[in-house]
Amino acid sequence: MSRDALGADADCVETVEILTRTFCAELPPQAQKRLGARPEQENVLLKVVLRDLGRTLTDHDANLLRDRIYAAVHQGGSHQWATNS
């Protein structure tokens, strides 16, 4: 993920850690469909720690940032957003 995807909010990302990697062909069919994944792709479980040093992030603010990160890294055919915005 490029920090450019978050612009000025990139400072809110404290850490990004890859927890697991699984070839999509190894996922159950329901998971492949939910992700819109192709068998040759990998499913990567990321741990993202968000922290703004100048203020408290609300749940809504954190979810908006999560959605922007998700949009930047997700390459599947379907999306799951945390917010409606």
N, C-alpha and C. Protein backbone atom coordinates (compact mmCIF):
# COMPACT_ATOMS: atom_id res chain seq x y z
N MET A 1 0.84 -1.17 0.00
CA MET A 1 0.00 0.00 0.00
C MET A 1 0.89 1.24 0.00
N SER A 2 0.54 2.16 -0.81
CA SER A 2 1.26 3.42 -0.84
C SER A 2 0.66 4.37 0.19
N ARG A 3 1.51 5.02 0.95
CA ARG A 3 1.02 6.01 1.91
C ARG A 3 0.32 7.16 1.20
N ASP A 4 0.57 7.31 -0.10
CA ASP A 4 -0.10 8.36 -0.87
C ASP A 4 -1.62 8.18 -0.88
N ALA A 5 -2.10 6.95 -0.69
CA ALA A 5 -3.53 6.69 -0.71
C ALA A 5 -4.25 7.42 0.42
N LEU A 6 -3.54 7.75 1.49
CA LEU A 6 -4.14 8.44 2.63
C LEU A 6 -3.83 9.92 2.68
N GLY A 7 -2.96 10.38 1.81
CA GLY A 7 -2.63 11.81 1.79
C GLY A 7 -2.16 12.30 3.15
N ALA A 8 -2.76 13.39 3.61
CA ALA A 8 -2.36 13.99 4.89
C ALA A 8 -2.65 13.09 6.07
N ASP A 9 -3.56 12.11 5.90
CA ASP A 9 -3.89 11.19 7.00
C ASP A 9 -2.90 10.04 7.13
N ALA A 10 -1.89 9.98 6.29
CA ALA A 10 -0.91 8.89 6.35
C ALA A 10 -0.20 8.84 7.70
N ASP A 11 -0.09 9.97 8.37
CA ASP A 11 0.56 10.00 9.69
C ASP A 11 -0.24 9.24 10.74
N CYS A 12 -1.50 8.94 10.45
CA CYS A 12 -2.34 8.20 11.40
C CYS A 12 -2.04 6.71 11.40
N VAL A 13 -1.30 6.23 10.40
CA VAL A 13 -0.94 4.81 10.34
C VAL A 13 0.34 4.61 11.12
N GLU A 14 0.22 3.93 12.25
CA GLU A 14 1.39 3.69 13.09
C GLU A 14 2.17 2.47 12.60
N THR A 15 1.46 1.37 12.35
CA THR A 15 2.11 0.16 11.86
C THR A 15 1.20 -0.60 10.90
N VAL A 16 1.82 -1.36 9.99
CA VAL A 16 1.12 -2.30 9.12
C VAL A 16 1.91 -3.60 9.21
N GLU A 17 1.21 -4.68 9.54
CA GLU A 17 1.87 -5.97 9.71
C GLU A 17 1.09 -7.04 8.95
N ILE A 18 1.79 -7.87 8.19
CA ILE A 18 1.16 -9.00 7.52
C ILE A 18 1.09 -10.14 8.52
N LEU A 19 -0.15 -10.59 8.82
CA LEU A 19 -0.33 -11.67 9.78
C LEU A 19 -0.33 -13.04 9.09
N THR A 20 -1.02 -13.14 7.96
CA THR A 20 -1.04 -14.40 7.20
C THR A 20 -1.17 -14.11 5.72
N ARG A 21 -0.74 -15.08 4.93
CA ARG A 21 -0.91 -15.06 3.47
C ARG A 21 -1.44 -16.43 3.08
N THR A 22 -2.50 -16.45 2.27
CA THR A 22 -3.11 -17.70 1.83
C THR A 22 -3.45 -17.57 0.36
N PHE A 23 -3.05 -18.55 -0.44
CA PHE A 23 -3.46 -18.53 -1.83
C PHE A 23 -4.97 -18.67 -1.88
N CYS A 24 -5.61 -17.86 -2.71
CA CYS A 24 -7.07 -17.85 -2.77
C CYS A 24 -7.63 -19.19 -3.21
N ALA A 25 -6.89 -19.96 -3.98
CA ALA A 25 -7.33 -21.29 -4.38
C ALA A 25 -7.52 -22.20 -3.17
N GLU A 26 -6.86 -21.87 -2.05
CA GLU A 26 -6.97 -22.68 -0.82
C GLU A 26 -8.12 -22.23 0.07
N LEU A 27 -8.76 -21.12 -0.27
CA LEU A 27 -9.87 -20.61 0.54
C LEU A 27 -11.16 -21.36 0.18
N PRO A 28 -12.10 -21.45 1.14
CA PRO A 28 -13.39 -22.05 0.82
C PRO A 28 -14.08 -21.24 -0.29
N PRO A 29 -14.90 -21.91 -1.11
CA PRO A 29 -15.57 -21.21 -2.22
C PRO A 29 -16.36 -19.97 -1.77
N GLN A 30 -17.00 -20.04 -0.58
CA GLN A 30 -17.77 -18.89 -0.09
C GLN A 30 -16.87 -17.69 0.14
N ALA A 31 -15.68 -17.93 0.67
CA ALA A 31 -14.73 -16.84 0.92
C ALA A 31 -14.22 -16.26 -0.39
N GLN A 32 -13.93 -17.11 -1.36
CA GLN A 32 -13.48 -16.63 -2.67
C GLN A 32 -14.54 -15.73 -3.29
N LYS A 33 -15.80 -16.15 -3.17
CA LYS A 33 -16.90 -15.35 -3.74
C LYS A 33 -17.06 -14.03 -3.00
N ARG A 34 -17.01 -14.07 -1.66
CA ARG A 34 -17.18 -12.86 -0.85
C ARG A 34 -16.10 -11.83 -1.17
N LEU A 35 -14.87 -12.32 -1.39
CA LEU A 35 -13.75 -11.43 -1.70
C LEU A 35 -13.69 -11.03 -3.17
N GLY A 36 -14.38 -11.79 -4.02
CA GLY A 36 -14.25 -11.56 -5.45
C GLY A 36 -12.87 -11.96 -5.92
N ALA A 37 -12.30 -13.01 -5.27
CA ALA A 37 -10.91 -13.39 -5.50
C ALA A 37 -10.78 -14.40 -6.64
N ARG A 38 -9.68 -14.26 -7.35
CA ARG A 38 -9.33 -15.23 -8.38
C ARG A 38 -8.36 -16.24 -7.76
N PRO A 39 -8.39 -17.51 -8.22
CA PRO A 39 -7.54 -18.55 -7.60
C PRO A 39 -6.06 -18.21 -7.57
N GLU A 40 -5.56 -17.45 -8.53
CA GLU A 40 -4.12 -17.15 -8.58
C GLU A 40 -3.72 -16.00 -7.64
N GLN A 41 -4.69 -15.35 -7.02
CA GLN A 41 -4.39 -14.27 -6.10
C GLN A 41 -4.09 -14.82 -4.71
N GLU A 42 -3.55 -13.96 -3.86
CA GLU A 42 -3.31 -14.29 -2.46
C GLU A 42 -4.24 -13.47 -1.59
N ASN A 43 -4.72 -14.08 -0.52
CA ASN A 43 -5.46 -13.36 0.50
C ASN A 43 -4.46 -13.01 1.59
N VAL A 44 -4.36 -11.73 1.93
CA VAL A 44 -3.40 -11.27 2.93
C VAL A 44 -4.17 -10.65 4.08
N LEU A 45 -3.95 -11.16 5.28
CA LEU A 45 -4.55 -10.60 6.48
C LEU A 45 -3.59 -9.57 7.05
N LEU A 46 -4.03 -8.32 7.05
CA LEU A 46 -3.20 -7.22 7.55
C LEU A 46 -3.67 -6.76 8.91
N LYS A 47 -2.72 -6.41 9.74
CA LYS A 47 -3.01 -5.73 11.01
C LYS A 47 -2.53 -4.30 10.83
N VAL A 48 -3.45 -3.36 10.93
CA VAL A 48 -3.13 -1.94 10.77
C VAL A 48 -3.45 -1.24 12.09
N VAL A 49 -2.46 -0.59 12.66
CA VAL A 49 -2.67 0.18 13.89
C VAL A 49 -2.76 1.65 13.49
N LEU A 50 -3.89 2.26 13.84
CA LEU A 50 -4.14 3.67 13.55
C LEU A 50 -4.00 4.46 14.84
N ARG A 51 -3.26 5.56 14.77
CA ARG A 51 -3.09 6.42 15.95
C ARG A 51 -2.76 7.82 15.48
N ASP A 52 -3.57 8.76 15.88
CA ASP A 52 -3.30 10.16 15.58
C ASP A 52 -2.68 10.77 16.84
N LEU A 53 -1.50 11.34 16.72
CA LEU A 53 -0.81 11.88 17.90
C LEU A 53 -1.42 13.18 18.40
N GLY A 54 -2.24 13.83 17.57
CA GLY A 54 -2.78 15.11 17.96
C GLY A 54 -4.20 15.09 18.46
N ARG A 55 -4.90 13.96 18.27
CA ARG A 55 -6.30 13.91 18.69
C ARG A 55 -6.74 12.44 18.78
N THR A 56 -7.89 12.23 19.37
CA THR A 56 -8.46 10.90 19.45
C THR A 56 -9.25 10.63 18.18
N LEU A 57 -8.99 9.50 17.54
CA LEU A 57 -9.77 9.12 16.37
C LEU A 57 -11.11 8.53 16.83
N THR A 58 -12.19 9.02 16.26
CA THR A 58 -13.49 8.42 16.55
C THR A 58 -13.59 7.11 15.79
N ASP A 59 -14.56 6.29 16.16
CA ASP A 59 -14.79 5.04 15.43
C ASP A 59 -15.04 5.34 13.95
N HIS A 60 -15.82 6.37 13.70
CA HIS A 60 -16.14 6.73 12.31
C HIS A 60 -14.88 7.15 11.54
N ASP A 61 -14.05 7.97 12.17
CA ASP A 61 -12.80 8.40 11.51
C ASP A 61 -11.90 7.19 11.21
N ALA A 62 -11.77 6.28 12.19
CA ALA A 62 -10.94 5.09 12.00
C ALA A 62 -11.51 4.20 10.90
N ASN A 63 -12.83 4.07 10.84
CA ASN A 63 -13.45 3.26 9.79
C ASN A 63 -13.27 3.88 8.42
N LEU A 64 -13.31 5.20 8.33
CA LEU A 64 -13.05 5.87 7.05
C LEU A 64 -11.62 5.60 6.58
N LEU A 65 -10.67 5.68 7.52
CA LEU A 65 -9.28 5.37 7.18
C LEU A 65 -9.14 3.91 6.77
N ARG A 66 -9.80 3.02 7.48
CA ARG A 66 -9.77 1.59 7.14
C ARG A 66 -10.27 1.38 5.72
N ASP A 67 -11.36 2.04 5.37
CA ASP A 67 -11.92 1.89 4.02
C ASP A 67 -10.96 2.40 2.95
N ARG A 68 -10.26 3.49 3.24
CA ARG A 68 -9.30 4.02 2.27
C ARG A 68 -8.12 3.07 2.09
N ILE A 69 -7.66 2.48 3.19
CA ILE A 69 -6.57 1.49 3.11
C ILE A 69 -7.05 0.27 2.33
N TYR A 70 -8.24 -0.20 2.66
CA TYR A 70 -8.82 -1.36 1.97
C TYR A 70 -8.92 -1.10 0.47
N ALA A 71 -9.41 0.07 0.10
CA ALA A 71 -9.53 0.41 -1.33
C ALA A 71 -8.17 0.43 -2.02
N ALA A 72 -7.14 0.82 -1.29
CA ALA A 72 -5.80 0.91 -1.87
C ALA A 72 -5.16 -0.46 -2.09
N VAL A 73 -5.50 -1.44 -1.26
CA VAL A 73 -4.83 -2.73 -1.35
C VAL A 73 -5.69 -3.85 -1.94
N HIS A 74 -7.00 -3.73 -1.86
CA HIS A 74 -7.89 -4.82 -2.30
C HIS A 74 -7.93 -4.89 -3.82
N GLN A 75 -7.73 -6.09 -4.36
CA GLN A 75 -7.74 -6.29 -5.80
C GLN A 75 -8.81 -7.28 -6.23
N GLY A 76 -9.69 -7.65 -5.32
CA GLY A 76 -10.77 -8.58 -5.65
C GLY A 76 -11.89 -7.89 -6.40
N GLY A 77 -12.87 -8.67 -6.80
CA GLY A 77 -13.97 -8.15 -7.60
C GLY A 77 -15.13 -7.61 -6.80
N SER A 78 -15.14 -7.81 -5.48
CA SER A 78 -16.19 -7.25 -4.64
C SER A 78 -15.54 -6.59 -3.43
N HIS A 79 -16.30 -5.71 -2.78
CA HIS A 79 -15.73 -4.92 -1.68
C HIS A 79 -16.63 -5.00 -0.46
N GLN A 80 -16.04 -4.85 0.72
CA GLN A 80 -16.77 -4.80 1.97
C GLN A 80 -16.32 -3.54 2.72
N TRP A 81 -17.20 -2.56 2.75
CA TRP A 81 -16.87 -1.29 3.37
C TRP A 81 -17.30 -1.27 4.83
N ALA A 82 -16.55 -0.57 5.66
CA ALA A 82 -16.89 -0.41 7.07
C ALA A 82 -17.87 0.75 7.25
N THR A 83 -17.90 1.67 6.30
CA THR A 83 -18.77 2.84 6.39
C THR A 83 -19.64 2.92 5.14
N ASN A 84 -20.61 3.78 5.20
CA ASN A 84 -21.48 4.03 4.05
C ASN A 84 -21.04 5.23 3.24
N SER A 85 -19.96 5.90 3.67
CA SER A 85 -19.51 7.11 2.99
C SER A 85 -18.60 6.77 1.83
